Amino acid sequence: FLYLPYEHSEHLADQLKSMDLFTAKAQSYLKYAVEHLEIIQRFGRFPHRNRMLGRETTPEEQVFLDGGGFSG
């Protein structure tokens, strides 16, 4: 639970910290940390938050979301 702010941050440094924390402390949760990291590396943000945050969705993000996106 304490690692979730790192995992859900849209800052790459926080995502990398999340990877360190999850690797060292919770190997069974590493899969989720990797999923979050890959989305930030790909888009620089979480596309499924766009509507809620009033952001425009890029065509690439829309393809990702239409394909199932991320269930977080």
PDB file of N, CA and C in Angstrom:
ATOM      1  N   PHE A   1       0.818  -1.203   0.000  1.00  0.00           N
ATOM      2  CA  PHE A   1       0.000   0.000   0.000  1.00  0.00           C
ATOM      3  C   PHE A   1       0.860   1.264   0.000  1.00  0.00           C
ATOM      4  N   LEU A   2       1.916   1.253   0.754  1.00  0.00           N
ATOM      5  CA  LEU A   2       2.759   2.445   0.858  1.00  0.00           C
ATOM      6  C   LEU A   2       3.501   2.763  -0.435  1.00  0.00           C
ATOM      7  N   TYR A   3       3.600   1.792  -1.324  1.00  0.00           N
ATOM      8  CA  TYR A   3       4.315   2.005  -2.577  1.00  0.00           C
ATOM      9  C   TYR A   3       3.415   2.568  -3.672  1.00  0.00           C
ATOM     10  N   LEU A   4       2.121   2.559  -3.468  1.00  0.00           N
ATOM     11  CA  LEU A   4       1.189   2.950  -4.527  1.00  0.00           C
ATOM     12  C   LEU A   4       1.390   4.368  -5.052  1.00  0.00           C
ATOM     13  N   PRO A   5       1.731   5.361  -4.231  1.00  0.00           N
ATOM     14  CA  PRO A   5       1.970   6.690  -4.806  1.00  0.00           C
ATOM     15  C   PRO A   5       3.091   6.696  -5.847  1.00  0.00           C
ATOM     16  N   TYR A   6       4.120   5.889  -5.629  1.00  0.00           N
ATOM     17  CA  TYR A   6       5.197   5.786  -6.622  1.00  0.00           C
ATOM     18  C   TYR A   6       4.681   5.105  -7.887  1.00  0.00           C
ATOM     19  N   GLU A   7       3.934   4.038  -7.702  1.00  0.00           N
ATOM     20  CA  GLU A   7       3.442   3.254  -8.829  1.00  0.00           C
ATOM     21  C   GLU A   7       2.458   4.046  -9.684  1.00  0.00           C
ATOM     22  N   HIS A   8       1.698   4.932  -9.083  1.00  0.00           N
ATOM     23  CA  HIS A   8       0.664   5.659  -9.811  1.00  0.00           C
ATOM     24  C   HIS A   8       1.084   7.065 -10.226  1.00  0.00           C
ATOM     25  N   SER A   9       2.313   7.432  -9.932  1.00  0.00           N
ATOM     26  CA  SER A   9       2.844   8.726 -10.343  1.00  0.00           C
ATOM     27  C   SER A   9       3.104   8.741 -11.846  1.00  0.00           C
ATOM     28  N   GLU A  10       3.000   9.901 -12.449  1.00  0.00           N
ATOM     29  CA  GLU A  10       3.296  10.062 -13.870  1.00  0.00           C
ATOM     30  C   GLU A  10       4.705  10.590 -14.095  1.00  0.00           C
ATOM     31  N   HIS A  11       5.560  10.488 -13.098  1.00  0.00           N
ATOM     32  CA  HIS A  11       6.951  10.913 -13.212  1.00  0.00           C
ATOM     33  C   HIS A  11       7.844   9.687 -13.334  1.00  0.00           C
ATOM     34  N   LEU A  12       8.706   9.685 -14.333  1.00  0.00           N
ATOM     35  CA  LEU A  12       9.567   8.537 -14.588  1.00  0.00           C
ATOM     36  C   LEU A  12      10.422   8.187 -13.374  1.00  0.00           C
ATOM     37  N   ALA A  13      10.961   9.181 -12.685  1.00  0.00           N
ATOM     38  CA  ALA A  13      11.795   8.903 -11.506  1.00  0.00           C
ATOM     39  C   ALA A  13      11.003   8.138 -10.445  1.00  0.00           C
ATOM     40  N   ASP A  14       9.740   8.486 -10.271  1.00  0.00           N
ATOM     41  CA  ASP A  14       8.903   7.766  -9.309  1.00  0.00           C
ATOM     42  C   ASP A  14       8.639   6.339  -9.771  1.00  0.00           C
ATOM     43  N   GLN A  15       8.461   6.161 -11.074  1.00  0.00           N
ATOM     44  CA  GLN A  15       8.251   4.815 -11.604  1.00  0.00           C
ATOM     45  C   GLN A  15       9.487   3.948 -11.374  1.00  0.00           C
ATOM     46  N   LEU A  16      10.667   4.526 -11.576  1.00  0.00           N
ATOM     47  CA  LEU A  16      11.905   3.777 -11.338  1.00  0.00           C
ATOM     48  C   LEU A  16      12.053   3.447  -9.858  1.00  0.00           C
ATOM     49  N   LYS A  17      11.683   4.376  -8.978  1.00  0.00           N
ATOM     50  CA  LYS A  17      11.702   4.117  -7.534  1.00  0.00           C
ATOM     51  C   LYS A  17      10.719   3.004  -7.196  1.00  0.00           C
ATOM     52  N   SER A  18       9.572   3.024  -7.829  1.00  0.00           N
ATOM     53  CA  SER A  18       8.580   1.971  -7.636  1.00  0.00           C
ATOM     54  C   SER A  18       9.176   0.611  -7.973  1.00  0.00           C
ATOM     55  N   MET A  19       9.902   0.553  -9.074  1.00  0.00           N
ATOM     56  CA  MET A  19      10.538  -0.707  -9.465  1.00  0.00           C
ATOM     57  C   MET A  19      11.510  -1.177  -8.390  1.00  0.00           C
ATOM     58  N   ASP A  20      12.306  -0.268  -7.851  1.00  0.00           N
ATOM     59  CA  ASP A  20      13.249  -0.628  -6.786  1.00  0.00           C
ATOM     60  C   ASP A  20      12.511  -1.152  -5.564  1.00  0.00           C
ATOM     61  N   LEU A  21      11.478  -0.449  -5.145  1.00  0.00           N
ATOM     62  CA  LEU A  21      10.728  -0.844  -3.955  1.00  0.00           C
ATOM     63  C   LEU A  21      10.049  -2.195  -4.137  1.00  0.00           C
ATOM     64  N   PHE A  22       9.396  -2.364  -5.267  1.00  0.00           N
ATOM     65  CA  PHE A  22       8.688  -3.614  -5.502  1.00  0.00           C
ATOM     66  C   PHE A  22       9.649  -4.786  -5.664  1.00  0.00           C
ATOM     67  N   THR A  23      10.782  -4.548  -6.294  1.00  0.00           N
ATOM     68  CA  THR A  23      11.763  -5.619  -6.470  1.00  0.00           C
ATOM     69  C   THR A  23      12.324  -6.057  -5.129  1.00  0.00           C
ATOM     70  N   ALA A  24      12.657  -5.103  -4.291  1.00  0.00           N
ATOM     71  CA  ALA A  24      13.288  -5.411  -3.008  1.00  0.00           C
ATOM     72  C   ALA A  24      12.305  -5.991  -2.000  1.00  0.00           C
ATOM     73  N   LYS A  25      11.079  -5.560  -2.012  1.00  0.00           N
ATOM     74  CA  LYS A  25      10.166  -5.886  -0.923  1.00  0.00           C
ATOM     75  C   LYS A  25       9.016  -6.799  -1.314  1.00  0.00           C
ATOM     76  N   ALA A  26       8.577  -6.749  -2.522  1.00  0.00           N
ATOM     77  CA  ALA A  26       7.353  -7.467  -2.867  1.00  0.00           C
ATOM     78  C   ALA A  26       7.445  -8.090  -4.252  1.00  0.00           C
ATOM     79  N   GLN A  27       8.247  -9.102  -4.399  1.00  0.00           N
ATOM     80  CA  GLN A  27       8.469  -9.746  -5.697  1.00  0.00           C
ATOM     81  C   GLN A  27       7.154 -10.159  -6.360  1.00  0.00           C
ATOM     82  N   SER A  28       6.195 -10.583  -5.574  1.00  0.00           N
ATOM     83  CA  SER A  28       4.932 -11.041  -6.157  1.00  0.00           C
ATOM     84  C   SER A  28       4.133  -9.908  -6.802  1.00  0.00           C
ATOM     85  N   TYR A  29       4.421  -8.664  -6.436  1.00  0.00           N
ATOM     86  CA  TYR A  29       3.717  -7.523  -7.013  1.00  0.00           C
ATOM     87  C   TYR A  29       4.495  -6.851  -8.140  1.00  0.00           C
ATOM     88  N   LEU A  30       5.643  -7.379  -8.464  1.00  0.00           N
ATOM     89  CA  LEU A  30       6.495  -6.765  -9.477  1.00  0.00           C
ATOM     90  C   LEU A  30       5.779  -6.627 -10.821  1.00  0.00           C
ATOM     91  N   LYS A  31       4.964  -7.591 -11.166  1.00  0.00           N
ATOM     92  CA  LYS A  31       4.231  -7.560 -12.432  1.00  0.00           C
ATOM     93  C   LYS A  31       3.444  -6.255 -12.580  1.00  0.00           C
ATOM     94  N   TYR A  32       2.796  -5.830 -11.522  1.00  0.00           N
ATOM     95  CA  TYR A  32       1.992  -4.611 -11.579  1.00  0.00           C
ATOM     96  C   TYR A  32       2.868  -3.370 -11.724  1.00  0.00           C
ATOM     97  N   ALA A  33       3.991  -3.361 -11.042  1.00  0.00           N
ATOM     98  CA  ALA A  33       4.921  -2.237 -11.157  1.00  0.00           C
ATOM     99  C   ALA A  33       5.452  -2.136 -12.586  1.00  0.00           C
ATOM    100  N   VAL A  34       5.755  -3.277 -13.197  1.00  0.00           N
ATOM    101  CA  VAL A  34       6.246  -3.300 -14.577  1.00  0.00           C
ATOM    102  C   VAL A  34       5.177  -2.756 -15.527  1.00  0.00           C
ATOM    103  N   GLU A  35       3.931  -3.160 -15.334  1.00  0.00           N
ATOM    104  CA  GLU A  35       2.848  -2.665 -16.192  1.00  0.00           C
ATOM    105  C   GLU A  35       2.732  -1.144 -16.111  1.00  0.00           C
ATOM    106  N   HIS A  36       2.797  -0.611 -14.907  1.00  0.00           N
ATOM    107  CA  HIS A  36       2.717   0.841 -14.731  1.00  0.00           C
ATOM    108  C   HIS A  36       3.910   1.534 -15.402  1.00  0.00           C
ATOM    109  N   LEU A  37       5.093   1.011 -15.171  1.00  0.00           N
ATOM    110  CA  LEU A  37       6.305   1.597 -15.749  1.00  0.00           C
ATOM    111  C   LEU A  37       6.239   1.618 -17.272  1.00  0.00           C
ATOM    112  N   GLU A  38       5.821   0.520 -17.870  1.00  0.00           N
ATOM    113  CA  GLU A  38       5.780   0.437 -19.332  1.00  0.00           C
ATOM    114  C   GLU A  38       4.821   1.466 -19.935  1.00  0.00           C
ATOM    115  N   ILE A  39       3.720   1.731 -19.259  1.00  0.00           N
ATOM    116  CA  ILE A  39       2.772   2.730 -19.766  1.00  0.00           C
ATOM    117  C   ILE A  39       3.388   4.123 -19.702  1.00  0.00           C
ATOM    118  N   ILE A  40       4.060   4.445 -18.597  1.00  0.00           N
ATOM    119  CA  ILE A  40       4.706   5.756 -18.470  1.00  0.00           C
ATOM    120  C   ILE A  40       5.846   5.891 -19.475  1.00  0.00           C
ATOM    121  N   GLN A  41       6.611   4.827 -19.681  1.00  0.00           N
ATOM    122  CA  GLN A  41       7.691   4.886 -20.673  1.00  0.00           C
ATOM    123  C   GLN A  41       7.124   5.101 -22.072  1.00  0.00           C
ATOM    124  N   ARG A  42       5.998   4.510 -22.353  1.00  0.00           N
ATOM    125  CA  ARG A  42       5.405   4.593 -23.686  1.00  0.00           C
ATOM    126  C   ARG A  42       4.710   5.933 -23.935  1.00  0.00           C
ATOM    127  N   PHE A  43       3.932   6.400 -22.951  1.00  0.00           N
ATOM    128  CA  PHE A  43       3.094   7.584 -23.160  1.00  0.00           C
ATOM    129  C   PHE A  43       3.493   8.802 -22.326  1.00  0.00           C
ATOM    130  N   GLY A  44       4.268   8.596 -21.272  1.00  0.00           N
ATOM    131  CA  GLY A  44       4.613   9.697 -20.378  1.00  0.00           C
ATOM    132  C   GLY A  44       3.508  10.050 -19.397  1.00  0.00           C
ATOM    133  N   ARG A  45       2.454   9.276 -19.406  1.00  0.00           N
ATOM    134  CA  ARG A  45       1.301   9.475 -18.522  1.00  0.00           C
ATOM    135  C   ARG A  45       0.408   8.244 -18.624  1.00  0.00           C
ATOM    136  N   PHE A  46      -0.653   8.220 -17.812  1.00  0.00           N
ATOM    137  CA  PHE A  46      -1.619   7.134 -17.872  1.00  0.00           C
ATOM    138  C   PHE A  46      -2.810   7.584 -18.723  1.00  0.00           C
ATOM    139  N   PRO A  47      -2.940   7.062 -19.950  1.00  0.00           N
ATOM    140  CA  PRO A  47      -4.005   7.512 -20.846  1.00  0.00           C
ATOM    141  C   PRO A  47      -5.416   7.327 -20.285  1.00  0.00           C
ATOM    142  N   HIS A  48      -5.615   6.333 -19.441  1.00  0.00           N
ATOM    143  CA  HIS A  48      -6.964   6.108 -18.916  1.00  0.00           C
ATOM    144  C   HIS A  48      -7.405   7.222 -17.966  1.00  0.00           C
ATOM    145  N   ARG A  49      -6.503   8.119 -17.597  1.00  0.00           N
ATOM    146  CA  ARG A  49      -6.848   9.262 -16.746  1.00  0.00           C
ATOM    147  C   ARG A  49      -7.200  10.515 -17.557  1.00  0.00           C
ATOM    148  N   ASN A  50      -7.003  10.482 -18.862  1.00  0.00           N
ATOM    149  CA  ASN A  50      -7.137  11.692 -19.680  1.00  0.00           C
ATOM    150  C   ASN A  50      -8.490  12.379 -19.522  1.00  0.00           C
ATOM    151  N   ARG A  51      -9.558  11.650 -19.680  1.00  0.00           N
ATOM    152  CA  ARG A  51     -10.890  12.265 -19.610  1.00  0.00           C
ATOM    153  C   ARG A  51     -11.110  12.905 -18.240  1.00  0.00           C
ATOM    154  N   MET A  52     -10.749  12.178 -17.188  1.00  0.00           N
ATOM    155  CA  MET A  52     -10.943  12.663 -15.824  1.00  0.00           C
ATOM    156  C   MET A  52     -10.131  13.934 -15.552  1.00  0.00           C
ATOM    157  N   LEU A  53      -8.964  14.039 -16.195  1.00  0.00           N
ATOM    158  CA  LEU A  53      -8.084  15.183 -15.976  1.00  0.00           C
ATOM    159  C   LEU A  53      -8.230  16.270 -17.042  1.00  0.00           C
ATOM    160  N   GLY A  54      -9.185  16.091 -17.947  1.00  0.00           N
ATOM    161  CA  GLY A  54      -9.427  17.096 -18.975  1.00  0.00           C
ATOM    162  C   GLY A  54      -8.332  17.178 -20.021  1.00  0.00           C
ATOM    163  N   ARG A  55      -7.643  16.064 -20.256  1.00  0.00           N
ATOM    164  CA  ARG A  55      -6.558  16.049 -21.245  1.00  0.00           C
ATOM    165  C   ARG A  55      -7.059  15.463 -22.557  1.00  0.00           C
ATOM    166  N   GLU A  56      -6.465  15.931 -23.639  1.00  0.00           N
ATOM    167  CA  GLU A  56      -6.730  15.355 -24.952  1.00  0.00           C
ATOM    168  C   GLU A  56      -6.038  13.999 -25.041  1.00  0.00           C
ATOM    169  N   THR A  57      -6.692  13.049 -25.672  1.00  0.00           N
ATOM    170  CA  THR A  57      -6.122  11.725 -25.893  1.00  0.00           C
ATOM    171  C   THR A  57      -5.494  11.696 -27.276  1.00  0.00           C
ATOM    172  N   THR A  58      -4.245  11.255 -27.352  1.00  0.00           N
ATOM    173  CA  THR A  58      -3.570  11.157 -28.643  1.00  0.00           C
ATOM    174  C   THR A  58      -4.110   9.955 -29.408  1.00  0.00           C
ATOM    175  N   PRO A  59      -3.923   9.931 -30.733  1.00  0.00           N
ATOM    176  CA  PRO A  59      -4.357   8.766 -31.505  1.00  0.00           C
ATOM    177  C   PRO A  59      -3.717   7.465 -30.998  1.00  0.00           C
ATOM    178  N   GLU A  60      -2.433   7.501 -30.651  1.00  0.00           N
ATOM    179  CA  GLU A  60      -1.762   6.299 -30.145  1.00  0.00           C
ATOM    180  C   GLU A  60      -2.380   5.845 -28.820  1.00  0.00           C
ATOM    181  N   GLU A  61      -2.682   6.803 -27.960  1.00  0.00           N
ATOM    182  CA  GLU A  61      -3.325   6.459 -26.689  1.00  0.00           C
ATOM    183  C   GLU A  61      -4.707   5.856 -26.930  1.00  0.00           C
ATOM    184  N   GLN A  62      -5.445   6.396 -27.896  1.00  0.00           N
ATOM    185  CA  GLN A  62      -6.784   5.885 -28.169  1.00  0.00           C
ATOM    186  C   GLN A  62      -6.733   4.444 -28.647  1.00  0.00           C
ATOM    187  N   VAL A  63      -5.761   4.123 -29.492  1.00  0.00           N
ATOM    188  CA  VAL A  63      -5.590   2.737 -29.943  1.00  0.00           C
ATOM    189  C   VAL A  63      -5.330   1.835 -28.741  1.00  0.00           C
ATOM    190  N   PHE A  64      -4.469   2.277 -27.839  1.00  0.00           N
ATOM    191  CA  PHE A  64      -4.164   1.532 -26.614  1.00  0.00           C
ATOM    192  C   PHE A  64      -5.435   1.319 -25.785  1.00  0.00           C
ATOM    193  N   LEU A  65      -6.200   2.382 -25.583  1.00  0.00           N
ATOM    194  CA  LEU A  65      -7.419   2.287 -24.782  1.00  0.00           C
ATOM    195  C   LEU A  65      -8.471   1.413 -25.459  1.00  0.00           C
ATOM    196  N   ASP A  66      -8.611   1.548 -26.777  1.00  0.00           N
ATOM    197  CA  ASP A  66      -9.582   0.743 -27.518  1.00  0.00           C
ATOM    198  C   ASP A  66      -9.238  -0.740 -27.475  1.00  0.00           C
ATOM    199  N   GLY A  67      -7.954  -1.044 -27.323  1.00  0.00           N
ATOM    200  CA  GLY A  67      -7.508  -2.431 -27.255  1.00  0.00           C
ATOM    201  C   GLY A  67      -7.578  -3.018 -25.856  1.00  0.00           C
ATOM    202  N   GLY A  68      -8.222  -2.332 -24.958  1.00  0.00           N
ATOM    203  CA  GLY A  68      -8.329  -2.833 -23.595  1.00  0.00           C
ATOM    204  C   GLY A  68      -7.600  -1.959 -22.605  1.00  0.00           C
ATOM    205  N   GLY A  69      -6.658  -1.169 -23.125  1.00  0.00           N
ATOM    206  CA  GLY A  69      -5.956  -0.210 -22.282  1.00  0.00           C
ATOM    207  C   GLY A  69      -5.346  -0.814 -21.057  1.00  0.00           C
ATOM    208  N   PHE A  70      -5.591  -0.159 -19.963  1.00  0.00           N
ATOM    209  CA  PHE A  70      -5.011  -0.554 -18.691  1.00  0.00           C
ATOM    210  C   PHE A  70      -6.100  -0.519 -17.648  1.00  0.00           C
ATOM    211  N   SER A  71      -6.213  -1.578 -16.905  1.00  0.00           N
ATOM    212  CA  SER A  71      -7.271  -1.647 -15.897  1.00  0.00           C
ATOM    213  C   SER A  71      -6.816  -1.195 -14.526  1.00  0.00           C
ATOM    214  N   GLY A  72      -5.511  -0.847 -14.391  1.00  0.00           N
ATOM    215  CA  GLY A  72      -4.963  -0.288 -13.175  1.00  0.00           C
ATOM    216  C   GLY A  72      -5.191  -1.090 -11.965  1.00  0.00           C
TER     217      GLY A  72
END
